[in-house]
Amino acid sequence: MRGAWKTFERWLSWYWPDGEVGLNRPATSLEIVDLQNALGVTLPGDYVACLKIHNGQRLGIGGLFEGFEYLSTNDVFAQWTMWKKLGDEDECKHFISNAATELQKNLWNSNWIPFARNRRGDYYCLDLTPGSFDPVGQVIIISHQYGERKVLAPDFLKWFTSYMELVFEGQVVHSSEFGGLFNREDVECS
């Protein structure tokens, strides 16, 4: 994880200096323990290792992960609390998404831990209570508008390293117009 971040930081310093400057300091062990206690979960080790390098990014400078802002421990808790409150409302308890697995048919599950969000209200989450055949800690995307729940990777490390490959291969680029890092094809098509 540390090696990937070092290379990513160097890439940011060349292609998006504000993105590098906007990375937060490492999360402390206490911040991580406090977050886990507040959420009532044990976070996957690969995600904790990531937080110990950078505790999210400064919000408002642009999305680090294809338009998604990387959330700090405080922002994770704030977004989780907002979604939990929404998911607990009576009219939302019977929401059915278009997800393929039975567990992901909920509007929200308190064991989905948001770690990144975009400006449209979509989230990358760690799924700590997946369906019977899915791994704990898989990375999912939830779309606020379409009810989409989709698995992106079996764990945080695979998701992160796959994203780094896209960045280093030039498939993800910085766009001032879009505000952050985005898929090259999306930027070129606009």
C-alpha atoms as a PDB file:
ATOM      1  CA  MET A   1       0.000   0.000   0.000  1.00  0.00           C
ATOM      2  CA  ARG A   2       2.753   2.441   0.957  1.00  0.00           C
ATOM      3  CA  GLY A   3       4.645   1.884  -2.301  1.00  0.00           C
ATOM      4  CA  ALA A   4       1.527   2.460  -4.401  1.00  0.00           C
ATOM      5  CA  TRP A   5       0.776   5.675  -2.501  1.00  0.00           C
ATOM      6  CA  LYS A   6       4.359   6.959  -2.948  1.00  0.00           C
ATOM      7  CA  THR A   7       4.136   6.403  -6.693  1.00  0.00           C
ATOM      8  CA  PHE A   8       0.653   7.949  -6.794  1.00  0.00           C
ATOM      9  CA  GLU A   9       1.847  11.002  -4.823  1.00  0.00           C
ATOM     10  CA  ARG A  10       4.690  11.483  -7.297  1.00  0.00           C
ATOM     11  CA  TRP A  11       2.244  11.167 -10.209  1.00  0.00           C
ATOM     12  CA  LEU A  12      -0.064  13.727  -8.549  1.00  0.00           C
ATOM     13  CA  SER A  13       2.838  16.148  -8.032  1.00  0.00           C
ATOM     14  CA  TRP A  14       3.410  16.102 -11.828  1.00  0.00           C
ATOM     15  CA  TYR A  15      -0.160  16.009 -13.135  1.00  0.00           C
ATOM     16  CA  TRP A  16      -2.337  17.456 -10.370  1.00  0.00           C
ATOM     17  CA  PRO A  17      -0.299  19.231  -7.656  1.00  0.00           C
ATOM     18  CA  ASP A  18      -3.429  20.471  -5.855  1.00  0.00           C
ATOM     19  CA  GLY A  19      -4.542  16.857  -5.539  1.00  0.00           C
ATOM     20  CA  GLU A  20      -1.300  15.924  -3.813  1.00  0.00           C
ATOM     21  CA  VAL A  21      -1.423  18.953  -1.508  1.00  0.00           C
ATOM     22  CA  GLY A  22      -5.056  18.122  -0.697  1.00  0.00           C
ATOM     23  CA  LEU A  23      -4.238  14.713   0.782  1.00  0.00           C
ATOM     24  CA  ASN A  24      -4.767  14.628   4.534  1.00  0.00           C
ATOM     25  CA  ARG A  25      -2.206  13.539   7.100  1.00  0.00           C
ATOM     26  CA  PRO A  26      -2.281   9.890   8.238  1.00  0.00           C
ATOM     27  CA  ALA A  27      -5.125   8.778  10.481  1.00  0.00           C
ATOM     28  CA  THR A  28      -4.055   8.043  14.029  1.00  0.00           C
ATOM     29  CA  SER A  29      -4.750   4.685  15.637  1.00  0.00           C
ATOM     30  CA  LEU A  30      -7.197   6.465  17.946  1.00  0.00           C
ATOM     31  CA  GLU A  31      -9.117   7.975  14.997  1.00  0.00           C
ATOM     32  CA  ILE A  32      -9.425   4.535  13.430  1.00  0.00           C
ATOM     33  CA  VAL A  33     -10.504   2.870  16.685  1.00  0.00           C
ATOM     34  CA  ASP A  34     -13.032   5.659  17.292  1.00  0.00           C
ATOM     35  CA  LEU A  35     -14.453   5.200  13.789  1.00  0.00           C
ATOM     36  CA  GLN A  36     -14.742   1.433  14.185  1.00  0.00           C
ATOM     37  CA  ASN A  37     -16.447   1.847  17.564  1.00  0.00           C
ATOM     38  CA  ALA A  38     -18.875   4.450  16.188  1.00  0.00           C
ATOM     39  CA  LEU A  39     -19.752   2.226  13.219  1.00  0.00           C
ATOM     40  CA  GLY A  40     -19.797  -0.977  15.271  1.00  0.00           C
ATOM     41  CA  VAL A  41     -17.532  -2.802  12.790  1.00  0.00           C
ATOM     42  CA  THR A  42     -13.973  -3.931  12.279  1.00  0.00           C
ATOM     43  CA  LEU A  43     -12.616  -2.298   9.143  1.00  0.00           C
ATOM     44  CA  PRO A  44     -10.603  -4.411   6.679  1.00  0.00           C
ATOM     45  CA  GLY A  45      -6.845  -4.244   7.250  1.00  0.00           C
ATOM     46  CA  ASP A  46      -6.048  -3.036   3.727  1.00  0.00           C
ATOM     47  CA  TYR A  47      -8.403  -0.070   4.125  1.00  0.00           C
ATOM     48  CA  VAL A  48      -6.967   0.719   7.583  1.00  0.00           C
ATOM     49  CA  ALA A  49      -3.472   0.640   6.037  1.00  0.00           C
ATOM     50  CA  CYS A  50      -4.661   3.184   3.467  1.00  0.00           C
ATOM     51  CA  LEU A  51      -6.066   5.470   6.187  1.00  0.00           C
ATOM     52  CA  LYS A  52      -2.735   5.265   8.013  1.00  0.00           C
ATOM     53  CA  ILE A  53      -1.081   6.780   4.940  1.00  0.00           C
ATOM     54  CA  HIS A  54      -3.702   9.438   4.165  1.00  0.00           C
ATOM     55  CA  ASN A  55      -6.837  10.072   6.210  1.00  0.00           C
ATOM     56  CA  GLY A  56      -8.847  11.048   3.158  1.00  0.00           C
ATOM     57  CA  GLN A  57      -8.451  14.254   1.238  1.00  0.00           C
ATOM     58  CA  ARG A  58      -9.511  17.847   1.680  1.00  0.00           C
ATOM     59  CA  LEU A  59     -13.024  17.986   0.251  1.00  0.00           C
ATOM     60  CA  GLY A  60     -13.907  20.403  -2.507  1.00  0.00           C
ATOM     61  CA  ILE A  61     -10.658  20.219  -4.516  1.00  0.00           C
ATOM     62  CA  GLY A  62     -11.870  17.462  -6.838  1.00  0.00           C
ATOM     63  CA  GLY A  63     -12.308  13.726  -6.779  1.00  0.00           C
ATOM     64  CA  LEU A  64      -9.227  11.558  -6.348  1.00  0.00           C
ATOM     65  CA  PHE A  65     -10.901   8.339  -7.527  1.00  0.00           C
ATOM     66  CA  GLU A  66     -12.551   8.990 -10.925  1.00  0.00           C
ATOM     67  CA  GLY A  67     -14.447  11.959  -9.550  1.00  0.00           C
ATOM     68  CA  PHE A  68     -15.039  10.414  -6.108  1.00  0.00           C
ATOM     69  CA  GLU A  69     -13.559  12.284  -3.148  1.00  0.00           C
ATOM     70  CA  TYR A  70     -11.622  10.112  -0.694  1.00  0.00           C
ATOM     71  CA  LEU A  71     -13.318  10.506   2.704  1.00  0.00           C
ATOM     72  CA  SER A  72     -11.540  11.076   6.020  1.00  0.00           C
ATOM     73  CA  THR A  73     -12.575   9.099   9.107  1.00  0.00           C
ATOM     74  CA  ASN A  74     -14.776  12.040  10.194  1.00  0.00           C
ATOM     75  CA  ASP A  75     -16.403  12.242   6.753  1.00  0.00           C
ATOM     76  CA  VAL A  76     -16.931   8.457   6.642  1.00  0.00           C
ATOM     77  CA  PHE A  77     -18.848   8.675   9.910  1.00  0.00           C
ATOM     78  CA  ALA A  78     -20.865  11.714   8.768  1.00  0.00           C
ATOM     79  CA  GLN A  79     -21.889  10.082   5.469  1.00  0.00           C
ATOM     80  CA  TRP A  80     -22.618   6.726   7.145  1.00  0.00           C
ATOM     81  CA  THR A  81     -24.814   8.511   9.726  1.00  0.00           C
ATOM     82  CA  MET A  82     -26.731  10.349   7.008  1.00  0.00           C
ATOM     83  CA  TRP A  83     -27.351   7.129   5.041  1.00  0.00           C
ATOM     84  CA  LYS A  84     -28.284   5.174   8.170  1.00  0.00           C
ATOM     85  CA  LYS A  85     -30.851   7.813   9.129  1.00  0.00           C
ATOM     86  CA  LEU A  86     -32.306   7.720   5.616  1.00  0.00           C
ATOM     87  CA  GLY A  87     -32.315   3.907   5.551  1.00  0.00           C
ATOM     88  CA  ASP A  88     -34.115   3.762   8.901  1.00  0.00           C
ATOM     89  CA  GLU A  89     -37.059   5.848   7.657  1.00  0.00           C
ATOM     90  CA  ASP A  90     -40.235   3.804   7.224  1.00  0.00           C
ATOM     91  CA  GLU A  91     -40.745   4.672   3.553  1.00  0.00           C
ATOM     92  CA  CYS A  92     -37.207   3.514   2.718  1.00  0.00           C
ATOM     93  CA  LYS A  93     -37.292   0.166   4.521  1.00  0.00           C
ATOM     94  CA  HIS A  94     -38.966  -1.562   1.567  1.00  0.00           C
ATOM     95  CA  PHE A  95     -36.741  -0.080  -1.129  1.00  0.00           C
ATOM     96  CA  ILE A  96     -35.525  -2.646  -3.637  1.00  0.00           C
ATOM     97  CA  SER A  97     -32.514  -1.824  -5.799  1.00  0.00           C
ATOM     98  CA  ASN A  98     -31.640  -3.458  -9.100  1.00  0.00           C
ATOM     99  CA  ALA A  99     -28.706  -5.309  -7.517  1.00  0.00           C
ATOM    100  CA  ALA A 100     -27.961  -8.907  -8.391  1.00  0.00           C
ATOM    101  CA  THR A 101     -27.442 -10.173  -4.835  1.00  0.00           C
ATOM    102  CA  GLU A 102     -30.163 -10.440  -2.235  1.00  0.00           C
ATOM    103  CA  LEU A 103     -28.331  -8.451   0.434  1.00  0.00           C
ATOM    104  CA  GLN A 104     -27.723  -5.496  -1.825  1.00  0.00           C
ATOM    105  CA  LYS A 105     -31.389  -4.951  -2.536  1.00  0.00           C
ATOM    106  CA  ASN A 106     -31.651  -2.597   0.459  1.00  0.00           C
ATOM    107  CA  LEU A 107     -31.538   1.172   0.139  1.00  0.00           C
ATOM    108  CA  TRP A 108     -28.849   1.094   2.779  1.00  0.00           C
ATOM    109  CA  ASN A 109     -27.171  -1.397   5.047  1.00  0.00           C
ATOM    110  CA  SER A 110     -25.393  -0.142   8.160  1.00  0.00           C
ATOM    111  CA  ASN A 111     -22.485  -2.454   7.307  1.00  0.00           C
ATOM    112  CA  TRP A 112     -21.828  -0.618   4.049  1.00  0.00           C
ATOM    113  CA  ILE A 113     -19.019   1.760   4.938  1.00  0.00           C
ATOM    114  CA  PRO A 114     -18.679   4.714   2.527  1.00  0.00           C
ATOM    115  CA  PHE A 115     -15.063   5.656   1.793  1.00  0.00           C
ATOM    116  CA  ALA A 116     -15.519   7.898  -1.253  1.00  0.00           C
ATOM    117  CA  ARG A 117     -18.344   9.963  -2.775  1.00  0.00           C
ATOM    118  CA  ASN A 118     -18.927  12.021  -5.888  1.00  0.00           C
ATOM    119  CA  ARG A 119     -20.822  15.270  -6.372  1.00  0.00           C
ATOM    120  CA  ARG A 120     -23.905  13.417  -7.624  1.00  0.00           C
ATOM    121  CA  GLY A 121     -24.412  11.537  -4.348  1.00  0.00           C
ATOM    122  CA  ASP A 122     -22.969   8.169  -5.398  1.00  0.00           C
ATOM    123  CA  TYR A 123     -20.650   6.275  -3.058  1.00  0.00           C
ATOM    124  CA  TYR A 124     -17.894   3.682  -3.041  1.00  0.00           C
ATOM    125  CA  CYS A 125     -18.438   1.498   0.025  1.00  0.00           C
ATOM    126  CA  LEU A 126     -16.861  -1.432   1.794  1.00  0.00           C
ATOM    127  CA  ASP A 127     -19.502  -4.164   2.093  1.00  0.00           C
ATOM    128  CA  LEU A 128     -18.987  -5.839   5.458  1.00  0.00           C
ATOM    129  CA  THR A 129     -22.092  -8.060   5.203  1.00  0.00           C
ATOM    130  CA  PRO A 130     -22.130  -9.323   1.609  1.00  0.00           C
ATOM    131  CA  GLY A 131     -24.323 -12.045   0.130  1.00  0.00           C
ATOM    132  CA  SER A 132     -23.531 -15.694   0.758  1.00  0.00           C
ATOM    133  CA  PHE A 133     -20.960 -16.056  -2.030  1.00  0.00           C
ATOM    134  CA  ASP A 134     -19.338 -12.620  -1.854  1.00  0.00           C
ATOM    135  CA  PRO A 135     -16.255 -11.772   0.228  1.00  0.00           C
ATOM    136  CA  VAL A 136     -16.457  -9.585   3.334  1.00  0.00           C
ATOM    137  CA  GLY A 137     -14.916  -6.215   2.540  1.00  0.00           C
ATOM    138  CA  GLN A 138     -15.774  -6.213  -1.147  1.00  0.00           C
ATOM    139  CA  VAL A 139     -15.960  -2.757  -2.728  1.00  0.00           C
ATOM    140  CA  ILE A 140     -19.371  -1.764  -4.058  1.00  0.00           C
ATOM    141  CA  ILE A 141     -20.798   1.333  -5.678  1.00  0.00           C
ATOM    142  CA  ILE A 142     -24.203   2.641  -4.713  1.00  0.00           C
ATOM    143  CA  SER A 143     -26.029   5.086  -6.904  1.00  0.00           C
ATOM    144  CA  HIS A 144     -28.479   7.381  -5.141  1.00  0.00           C
ATOM    145  CA  GLN A 145     -30.494   8.029  -8.280  1.00  0.00           C
ATOM    146  CA  TYR A 146     -30.862   4.667  -9.981  1.00  0.00           C
ATOM    147  CA  GLY A 147     -30.784   2.280  -7.033  1.00  0.00           C
ATOM    148  CA  GLU A 148     -27.783   0.557  -8.566  1.00  0.00           C
ATOM    149  CA  ARG A 149     -25.650  -1.601  -6.262  1.00  0.00           C
ATOM    150  CA  LYS A 150     -22.680  -3.075  -8.094  1.00  0.00           C
ATOM    151  CA  VAL A 151     -19.602  -4.992  -6.912  1.00  0.00           C
ATOM    152  CA  LEU A 152     -16.383  -3.361  -8.156  1.00  0.00           C
ATOM    153  CA  ALA A 153     -13.715  -5.531  -6.511  1.00  0.00           C
ATOM    154  CA  PRO A 154     -13.443  -8.406  -4.000  1.00  0.00           C
ATOM    155  CA  ASP A 155     -11.527  -6.220  -1.516  1.00  0.00           C
ATOM    156  CA  PHE A 156     -10.131  -2.731  -1.000  1.00  0.00           C
ATOM    157  CA  LEU A 157      -6.540  -3.631  -1.935  1.00  0.00           C
ATOM    158  CA  LYS A 158      -7.571  -5.111  -5.296  1.00  0.00           C
ATOM    159  CA  TRP A 159      -9.799  -2.101  -5.983  1.00  0.00           C
ATOM    160  CA  PHE A 160      -7.012   0.357  -5.054  1.00  0.00           C
ATOM    161  CA  THR A 161      -4.266  -1.407  -7.028  1.00  0.00           C
ATOM    162  CA  SER A 162      -6.537  -1.752 -10.091  1.00  0.00           C
ATOM    163  CA  TYR A 163      -7.253   1.965  -9.909  1.00  0.00           C
ATOM    164  CA  MET A 164      -3.538   2.758  -9.597  1.00  0.00           C
ATOM    165  CA  GLU A 165      -2.887   0.674 -12.737  1.00  0.00           C
ATOM    166  CA  LEU A 166      -5.443   2.783 -14.642  1.00  0.00           C
ATOM    167  CA  VAL A 167      -3.762   5.971 -13.417  1.00  0.00           C
ATOM    168  CA  PHE A 168      -0.223   4.860 -14.281  1.00  0.00           C
ATOM    169  CA  GLU A 169      -1.303   3.531 -17.698  1.00  0.00           C
ATOM    170  CA  GLY A 170      -2.786   6.942 -18.548  1.00  0.00           C
ATOM    171  CA  GLN A 171      -6.393   5.736 -18.602  1.00  0.00           C
ATOM    172  CA  VAL A 172      -7.208   8.142 -15.738  1.00  0.00           C
ATOM    173  CA  VAL A 173      -6.278  11.807 -16.161  1.00  0.00           C
ATOM    174  CA  HIS A 174      -6.696  15.101 -14.343  1.00  0.00           C
ATOM    175  CA  SER A 175      -9.432  17.374 -15.667  1.00  0.00           C
ATOM    176  CA  SER A 176      -9.781  20.943 -14.402  1.00  0.00           C
ATOM    177  CA  GLU A 177     -13.131  21.151 -16.154  1.00  0.00           C
ATOM    178  CA  PHE A 178     -14.535  18.058 -14.422  1.00  0.00           C
ATOM    179  CA  GLY A 179     -12.738  18.730 -11.125  1.00  0.00           C
ATOM    180  CA  GLY A 180     -10.351  15.901 -10.305  1.00  0.00           C
ATOM    181  CA  LEU A 181      -9.250  12.621 -11.809  1.00  0.00           C
ATOM    182  CA  PHE A 182     -11.485  10.955 -14.411  1.00  0.00           C
ATOM    183  CA  ASN A 183     -11.431   8.239 -17.031  1.00  0.00           C
ATOM    184  CA  ARG A 184      -9.616   9.598 -20.090  1.00  0.00           C
ATOM    185  CA  GLU A 185     -12.430   8.532 -22.440  1.00  0.00           C
ATOM    186  CA  ASP A 186     -15.024  10.442 -20.411  1.00  0.00           C
ATOM    187  CA  VAL A 187     -12.876  13.586 -20.464  1.00  0.00           C
ATOM    188  CA  GLU A 188     -12.150  13.332 -24.210  1.00  0.00           C
ATOM    189  CA  CYS A 189     -15.839  12.745 -25.048  1.00  0.00           C
ATOM    190  CA  SER A 190     -17.033  15.879 -23.260  1.00  0.00           C
END
